[in-house]
Protein backbone atom coordinates (compact mmCIF):
# COMPACT_ATOMS: atom_id res chain seq x y z
CA MET A 1 20.17 -46.04 -62.36
CA ILE A 2 17.45 -45.86 -59.73
CA GLU A 3 15.24 -48.19 -61.77
CA MET A 4 18.13 -50.63 -62.12
CA SER A 5 18.75 -50.70 -58.38
CA VAL A 6 15.05 -51.28 -57.73
CA GLU A 7 15.01 -54.12 -60.28
CA PHE A 8 18.07 -55.76 -58.71
CA ASN A 9 16.45 -55.47 -55.29
CA ASN A 10 13.04 -56.73 -56.43
CA SER A 11 14.62 -59.73 -58.14
CA GLY A 12 16.57 -60.65 -55.00
CA GLN A 13 19.91 -59.83 -56.59
CA ILE A 14 20.92 -56.78 -54.56
CA GLU A 15 24.17 -58.57 -53.66
CA VAL A 16 25.24 -58.14 -57.29
CA LEU A 17 25.20 -54.38 -56.74
CA PHE A 18 27.04 -54.74 -53.43
CA LYS A 19 29.96 -56.25 -55.34
CA LEU A 20 30.32 -52.92 -57.13
CA LEU A 21 30.71 -50.88 -53.93
CA GLU A 22 34.50 -51.15 -54.08
CA HIS A 23 34.70 -50.09 -57.72
CA PRO A 24 36.50 -46.71 -57.84
CA ILE A 25 33.97 -45.06 -60.15
CA ALA A 26 30.72 -47.00 -59.73
CA GLY A 27 31.10 -47.63 -55.98
CA PRO A 28 29.96 -44.23 -54.68
CA TRP A 29 26.93 -44.16 -56.96
CA VAL A 30 25.95 -47.70 -56.01
CA ALA A 31 26.18 -46.73 -52.32
CA PHE A 32 23.92 -43.72 -52.95
CA LEU A 33 21.39 -45.88 -54.80
CA ILE A 34 21.25 -48.70 -52.26
CA ALA A 35 21.00 -46.28 -49.33
CA GLU A 36 17.88 -44.81 -50.93
CA LEU A 37 16.11 -48.18 -51.23
CA SER A 38 13.60 -48.70 -48.45
CA GLU A 39 13.47 -52.47 -48.99
CA VAL A 40 17.09 -53.29 -48.16
CA SER A 41 18.08 -54.65 -44.77
CA ILE A 42 19.17 -52.33 -41.98
CA GLU A 43 22.67 -53.81 -42.17
CA GLN A 44 22.89 -53.18 -45.91
CA LYS A 45 21.64 -49.62 -45.51
CA GLU A 46 24.09 -48.93 -42.65
CA PHE A 47 26.96 -50.34 -44.71
CA CYS A 48 26.10 -47.97 -47.54
CA ILE A 49 25.65 -45.00 -45.22
CA ASN A 50 29.09 -45.68 -43.74
CA LYS A 51 30.52 -45.84 -47.26
CA ILE A 52 28.85 -42.51 -48.06
CA LYS A 53 30.26 -40.98 -44.86
CA SER A 54 33.70 -42.13 -45.95
CA ILE A 55 33.18 -40.52 -49.37
CA ALA A 56 31.95 -37.30 -47.71
CA SER A 57 35.21 -36.94 -45.81
CA GLY A 58 37.12 -36.46 -49.09
CA SER A 59 37.50 -33.46 -51.35
CA SER A 60 36.03 -34.66 -54.65
CA LEU A 61 32.78 -33.87 -56.41
CA ASN A 62 31.47 -37.18 -55.04
CA SER A 63 32.29 -35.87 -51.54
CA ILE A 64 30.02 -32.87 -52.05
CA ALA A 65 27.20 -35.12 -53.25
CA ALA A 66 27.76 -37.42 -50.28
CA GLU A 67 27.65 -34.53 -47.80
CA TYR A 68 24.41 -33.31 -49.37
CA LEU A 69 22.76 -36.74 -49.24
CA LEU A 70 23.77 -37.26 -45.62
CA LYS A 71 22.44 -33.85 -44.62
CA GLU A 72 19.20 -34.12 -46.60
CA ARG A 73 18.41 -37.60 -45.28
CA GLY A 74 19.43 -36.87 -41.69
CA TYR A 75 22.33 -39.32 -41.68
CA ASN A 76 25.05 -36.81 -40.89
CA ASN A 77 24.49 -37.15 -37.13
CA SER A 78 24.08 -40.91 -37.01
């Protein structure tokens, strides 16, 4: 999945992945992947971080992963 996100980004098609952010299953994982890309715009990264913060406020397995990512990357206080 990481390689796919890098390929989409490198080919200038990152917006294709952004369309998946609202998908109930793929959306959280796409947000995690895009947030980890250093080449995306600040606005795109912030959008994904906000999505991850929203996921973290839930009570699912995805919420635990989101909390961990936010903590590990220092986004939990931003």
